[in-house]
Amino acid sequence: MIKNETIKYNDGSFYTGDTKHGIPNAEGTVTYGDGDFYIGNFVNGVFEGYGTCTSADGEEYLGILTSNKYDLEGIFNEYANGGIKGLHQKHSVELFHSYLMK
């Protein structure tokens, strides 16, 4: 059964959204103590499907994620360094704070 709840982690981060048996599933948001956050889809506690990752320093990825990694060709914006924009290649970078969802 899917229900909406907030899960608080020991490091001050928290998840708000749909859960199944207390694990993030479907749509939700995870917010980290340093200001980074992810809004998108979760499957069994990992980033899976369409989402937006935003770091506190202005980097942003919009696209598909598979098993806590960027996947396919998404849009990567780095506003902190002059507005650099470009396509992100498949499986090239680990996701922000992926350790939290293990």
N, C-alpha and C. Protein backbone atom coordinates (compact mmCIF):
# COMPACT_ATOMS: atom_id res chain seq x y z
N MET A 1 0.83 -1.17 0.00
CA MET A 1 0.00 0.00 0.00
C MET A 1 0.89 1.25 0.00
N ILE A 2 0.64 2.13 -0.95
CA ILE A 2 1.38 3.39 -1.06
C ILE A 2 0.74 4.42 -0.15
N LYS A 3 1.58 5.12 0.64
CA LYS A 3 1.06 6.22 1.45
C LYS A 3 2.05 7.37 1.42
N ASN A 4 1.59 8.56 1.76
CA ASN A 4 2.43 9.74 1.77
C ASN A 4 2.95 9.98 3.19
N GLU A 5 4.27 10.16 3.31
CA GLU A 5 4.84 10.42 4.63
C GLU A 5 6.18 11.14 4.52
N THR A 6 6.69 11.57 5.65
CA THR A 6 8.01 12.19 5.73
C THR A 6 8.92 11.28 6.54
N ILE A 7 10.11 11.02 5.99
CA ILE A 7 11.12 10.20 6.66
C ILE A 7 12.30 11.11 6.98
N LYS A 8 12.68 11.17 8.24
CA LYS A 8 13.84 11.97 8.66
C LYS A 8 15.03 11.06 8.86
N TYR A 9 16.20 11.48 8.33
CA TYR A 9 17.43 10.70 8.44
C TYR A 9 18.33 11.30 9.51
N ASN A 10 19.25 10.49 10.02
CA ASN A 10 20.14 10.91 11.11
C ASN A 10 21.01 12.11 10.77
N ASP A 11 21.33 12.30 9.49
CA ASP A 11 22.19 13.42 9.09
C ASP A 11 21.43 14.73 8.88
N GLY A 12 20.13 14.74 9.19
CA GLY A 12 19.33 15.95 9.04
C GLY A 12 18.60 16.04 7.72
N SER A 13 18.87 15.13 6.81
CA SER A 13 18.16 15.08 5.54
C SER A 13 16.78 14.48 5.76
N PHE A 14 15.88 14.73 4.80
CA PHE A 14 14.56 14.12 4.90
C PHE A 14 13.93 13.89 3.54
N TYR A 15 13.04 12.90 3.50
CA TYR A 15 12.28 12.54 2.32
C TYR A 15 10.81 12.82 2.60
N THR A 16 10.14 13.44 1.64
CA THR A 16 8.70 13.66 1.73
C THR A 16 8.07 13.15 0.45
N GLY A 17 7.12 12.25 0.58
CA GLY A 17 6.46 11.73 -0.61
C GLY A 17 5.87 10.35 -0.37
N ASP A 18 5.64 9.66 -1.48
CA ASP A 18 5.01 8.35 -1.44
C ASP A 18 5.99 7.29 -0.95
N THR A 19 5.49 6.39 -0.11
CA THR A 19 6.30 5.28 0.40
C THR A 19 5.51 3.98 0.31
N LYS A 20 6.25 2.88 0.29
CA LYS A 20 5.65 1.55 0.37
C LYS A 20 6.46 0.81 1.42
N HIS A 21 5.82 0.41 2.50
CA HIS A 21 6.47 -0.26 3.64
C HIS A 21 7.59 0.60 4.21
N GLY A 22 7.40 1.93 4.26
CA GLY A 22 8.37 2.84 4.84
C GLY A 22 9.57 3.16 3.96
N ILE A 23 9.54 2.76 2.69
CA ILE A 23 10.63 2.99 1.74
C ILE A 23 10.12 3.90 0.63
N PRO A 24 10.90 4.92 0.24
CA PRO A 24 10.46 5.80 -0.84
C PRO A 24 10.10 5.04 -2.11
N ASN A 25 8.89 5.27 -2.61
CA ASN A 25 8.39 4.67 -3.85
C ASN A 25 7.46 5.66 -4.52
N ALA A 26 7.55 5.79 -5.82
CA ALA A 26 6.74 6.70 -6.64
C ALA A 26 7.30 8.12 -6.52
N GLU A 27 6.45 9.13 -6.42
CA GLU A 27 6.90 10.53 -6.43
C GLU A 27 7.30 11.01 -5.05
N GLY A 28 8.40 11.79 -5.00
CA GLY A 28 8.83 12.35 -3.74
C GLY A 28 9.97 13.33 -3.88
N THR A 29 10.36 13.90 -2.75
CA THR A 29 11.45 14.87 -2.68
C THR A 29 12.37 14.49 -1.54
N VAL A 30 13.68 14.48 -1.82
CA VAL A 30 14.65 14.30 -0.75
C VAL A 30 15.45 15.60 -0.66
N THR A 31 15.58 16.12 0.56
CA THR A 31 16.28 17.38 0.81
C THR A 31 17.43 17.10 1.77
N TYR A 32 18.62 17.57 1.41
CA TYR A 32 19.82 17.32 2.20
C TYR A 32 20.19 18.55 3.02
N GLY A 33 20.92 18.35 4.09
CA GLY A 33 21.30 19.43 4.99
C GLY A 33 22.15 20.51 4.35
N ASP A 34 22.85 20.18 3.28
CA ASP A 34 23.71 21.16 2.62
C ASP A 34 22.98 21.97 1.55
N GLY A 35 21.68 21.74 1.38
CA GLY A 35 20.90 22.49 0.41
C GLY A 35 20.64 21.78 -0.90
N ASP A 36 21.29 20.64 -1.16
CA ASP A 36 21.00 19.85 -2.36
C ASP A 36 19.62 19.22 -2.22
N PHE A 37 18.94 18.99 -3.35
CA PHE A 37 17.68 18.27 -3.30
C PHE A 37 17.38 17.56 -4.61
N TYR A 38 16.51 16.56 -4.53
CA TYR A 38 16.05 15.78 -5.68
C TYR A 38 14.53 15.73 -5.63
N ILE A 39 13.91 16.00 -6.77
CA ILE A 39 12.46 15.88 -6.90
C ILE A 39 12.21 14.93 -8.05
N GLY A 40 11.49 13.85 -7.79
CA GLY A 40 11.23 12.92 -8.88
C GLY A 40 10.74 11.57 -8.40
N ASN A 41 11.02 10.57 -9.20
CA ASN A 41 10.51 9.23 -8.97
C ASN A 41 11.51 8.36 -8.21
N PHE A 42 10.98 7.50 -7.36
CA PHE A 42 11.75 6.52 -6.59
C PHE A 42 11.16 5.14 -6.82
N VAL A 43 12.01 4.12 -6.84
CA VAL A 43 11.57 2.72 -6.86
C VAL A 43 12.40 1.99 -5.82
N ASN A 44 11.73 1.44 -4.81
CA ASN A 44 12.40 0.71 -3.73
C ASN A 44 13.56 1.50 -3.11
N GLY A 45 13.36 2.80 -2.91
CA GLY A 45 14.33 3.62 -2.20
C GLY A 45 15.44 4.21 -3.03
N VAL A 46 15.46 3.97 -4.33
CA VAL A 46 16.50 4.56 -5.18
C VAL A 46 15.88 5.49 -6.21
N PHE A 47 16.70 6.45 -6.69
CA PHE A 47 16.25 7.37 -7.74
C PHE A 47 16.08 6.56 -9.02
N GLU A 48 14.87 6.59 -9.58
CA GLU A 48 14.56 5.77 -10.75
C GLU A 48 13.46 6.45 -11.54
N GLY A 49 13.73 6.81 -12.78
CA GLY A 49 12.74 7.48 -13.62
C GLY A 49 13.08 8.95 -13.76
N TYR A 50 12.10 9.76 -14.15
CA TYR A 50 12.34 11.17 -14.39
C TYR A 50 12.52 11.92 -13.07
N GLY A 51 13.49 12.84 -13.05
CA GLY A 51 13.69 13.65 -11.86
C GLY A 51 14.55 14.86 -12.13
N THR A 52 14.62 15.73 -11.14
CA THR A 52 15.46 16.92 -11.18
C THR A 52 16.35 16.91 -9.95
N CYS A 53 17.67 16.98 -10.16
CA CYS A 53 18.64 17.05 -9.08
C CYS A 53 19.19 18.47 -9.08
N THR A 54 19.16 19.11 -7.94
CA THR A 54 19.66 20.48 -7.84
C THR A 54 20.63 20.57 -6.67
N SER A 55 21.83 21.10 -6.94
CA SER A 55 22.81 21.26 -5.86
C SER A 55 22.75 22.67 -5.32
N ALA A 56 23.24 22.85 -4.11
CA ALA A 56 23.24 24.16 -3.46
C ALA A 56 24.08 25.19 -4.22
N ASP A 57 25.07 24.72 -4.98
CA ASP A 57 25.93 25.66 -5.72
C ASP A 57 25.43 25.96 -7.13
N GLY A 58 24.22 25.51 -7.47
CA GLY A 58 23.61 25.90 -8.73
C GLY A 58 23.62 24.88 -9.84
N GLU A 59 24.22 23.73 -9.66
CA GLU A 59 24.19 22.71 -10.70
C GLU A 59 22.82 22.04 -10.70
N GLU A 60 22.35 21.70 -11.89
CA GLU A 60 21.03 21.08 -12.01
C GLU A 60 21.04 20.06 -13.14
N TYR A 61 20.45 18.90 -12.88
CA TYR A 61 20.27 17.87 -13.90
C TYR A 61 18.79 17.58 -14.02
N LEU A 62 18.27 17.59 -15.24
CA LEU A 62 16.88 17.25 -15.51
C LEU A 62 16.87 16.10 -16.50
N GLY A 63 16.29 14.98 -16.11
CA GLY A 63 16.25 13.85 -17.03
C GLY A 63 15.94 12.55 -16.34
N ILE A 64 16.32 11.48 -17.00
CA ILE A 64 16.06 10.12 -16.53
C ILE A 64 17.20 9.66 -15.62
N LEU A 65 16.84 8.99 -14.52
CA LEU A 65 17.82 8.40 -13.62
C LEU A 65 17.54 6.90 -13.52
N THR A 66 18.61 6.11 -13.44
CA THR A 66 18.49 4.66 -13.30
C THR A 66 19.42 4.21 -12.19
N SER A 67 18.87 3.59 -11.16
CA SER A 67 19.66 3.07 -10.04
C SER A 67 20.60 4.11 -9.46
N ASN A 68 20.06 5.30 -9.13
CA ASN A 68 20.82 6.39 -8.51
C ASN A 68 21.88 7.01 -9.42
N LYS A 69 21.79 6.81 -10.74
CA LYS A 69 22.74 7.41 -11.67
C LYS A 69 21.99 8.15 -12.75
N TYR A 70 22.63 9.19 -13.30
CA TYR A 70 22.09 9.85 -14.47
C TYR A 70 22.05 8.83 -15.60
N ASP A 71 21.03 8.86 -16.42
CA ASP A 71 20.90 7.89 -17.50
C ASP A 71 20.40 8.61 -18.75
N LEU A 72 20.63 8.02 -19.89
CA LEU A 72 20.22 8.57 -21.18
C LEU A 72 20.80 9.97 -21.35
N GLU A 73 20.16 10.80 -22.12
CA GLU A 73 20.65 12.15 -22.32
C GLU A 73 19.72 13.12 -21.62
N GLY A 74 20.20 13.68 -20.53
CA GLY A 74 19.43 14.67 -19.80
C GLY A 74 20.07 16.04 -19.98
N ILE A 75 19.46 17.04 -19.44
CA ILE A 75 19.99 18.40 -19.52
C ILE A 75 20.73 18.72 -18.23
N PHE A 76 21.95 19.20 -18.36
CA PHE A 76 22.77 19.57 -17.21
C PHE A 76 23.03 21.07 -17.29
N ASN A 77 22.66 21.80 -16.25
CA ASN A 77 22.87 23.24 -16.18
C ASN A 77 23.77 23.56 -15.01
N GLU A 78 24.78 24.38 -15.23
CA GLU A 78 25.68 24.79 -14.17
C GLU A 78 25.63 26.31 -14.09
N TYR A 79 24.70 26.82 -13.31
CA TYR A 79 24.48 28.25 -13.21
C TYR A 79 25.58 28.97 -12.46
N ALA A 80 26.25 28.29 -11.56
CA ALA A 80 27.26 28.92 -10.72
C ALA A 80 28.47 29.40 -11.53
N ASN A 81 28.73 28.77 -12.66
CA ASN A 81 29.91 29.12 -13.46
C ASN A 81 29.53 29.70 -14.82
N GLY A 82 28.63 30.64 -14.83
CA GLY A 82 28.33 31.36 -16.06
C GLY A 82 27.24 30.76 -16.93
N GLY A 83 26.45 29.89 -16.42
CA GLY A 83 25.31 29.39 -17.18
C GLY A 83 25.65 28.34 -18.22
N ILE A 84 26.58 27.46 -17.93
CA ILE A 84 26.94 26.39 -18.85
C ILE A 84 25.77 25.41 -18.96
N LYS A 85 25.40 25.06 -20.19
CA LYS A 85 24.32 24.10 -20.41
C LYS A 85 24.81 23.04 -21.37
N GLY A 86 24.31 21.82 -21.24
CA GLY A 86 24.69 20.78 -22.19
C GLY A 86 24.00 19.47 -21.92
N LEU A 87 24.21 18.53 -22.83
CA LEU A 87 23.65 17.20 -22.65
C LEU A 87 24.57 16.39 -21.76
N HIS A 88 23.97 15.54 -20.96
CA HIS A 88 24.73 14.69 -20.05
C HIS A 88 24.70 13.28 -20.62
N GLN A 89 25.85 12.67 -20.78
CA GLN A 89 25.92 11.36 -21.41
C GLN A 89 25.61 10.23 -20.42
N LYS A 90 25.14 9.13 -20.95
CA LYS A 90 24.67 7.98 -20.18
C LYS A 90 25.72 7.47 -19.17
N HIS A 91 25.29 7.27 -17.94
CA HIS A 91 26.07 6.65 -16.86
C HIS A 91 27.41 7.33 -16.57
N SER A 92 27.53 8.62 -16.80
CA SER A 92 28.84 9.23 -16.63
C SER A 92 29.12 9.80 -15.24
N VAL A 93 28.08 10.06 -14.44
CA VAL A 93 28.29 10.69 -13.14
C VAL A 93 27.39 10.06 -12.09
N GLU A 94 27.93 9.80 -10.90
CA GLU A 94 27.11 9.33 -9.78
C GLU A 94 26.20 10.47 -9.33
N LEU A 95 25.03 10.13 -8.83
CA LEU A 95 24.06 11.13 -8.40
C LEU A 95 24.46 11.77 -7.07
N PHE A 96 24.05 13.03 -6.87
CA PHE A 96 24.28 13.71 -5.59
C PHE A 96 23.77 12.85 -4.44
N HIS A 97 24.58 12.65 -3.45
CA HIS A 97 24.17 12.00 -2.20
C HIS A 97 23.52 10.62 -2.38
N SER A 98 23.95 9.84 -3.34
CA SER A 98 23.31 8.54 -3.57
C SER A 98 23.46 7.60 -2.39
N TYR A 99 24.43 7.85 -1.52
CA TYR A 99 24.61 7.00 -0.34
C TYR A 99 23.39 6.97 0.55
N LEU A 100 22.62 8.05 0.56
CA LEU A 100 21.49 8.16 1.48
C LEU A 100 20.38 7.16 1.14
N MET A 101 20.26 6.80 -0.12
CA MET A 101 19.18 5.94 -0.56
C MET A 101 19.53 4.47 -0.54
N LYS A 102 20.74 4.09 -0.07
CA LYS A 102 21.14 2.68 -0.04
C LYS A 102 20.40 1.92 1.04
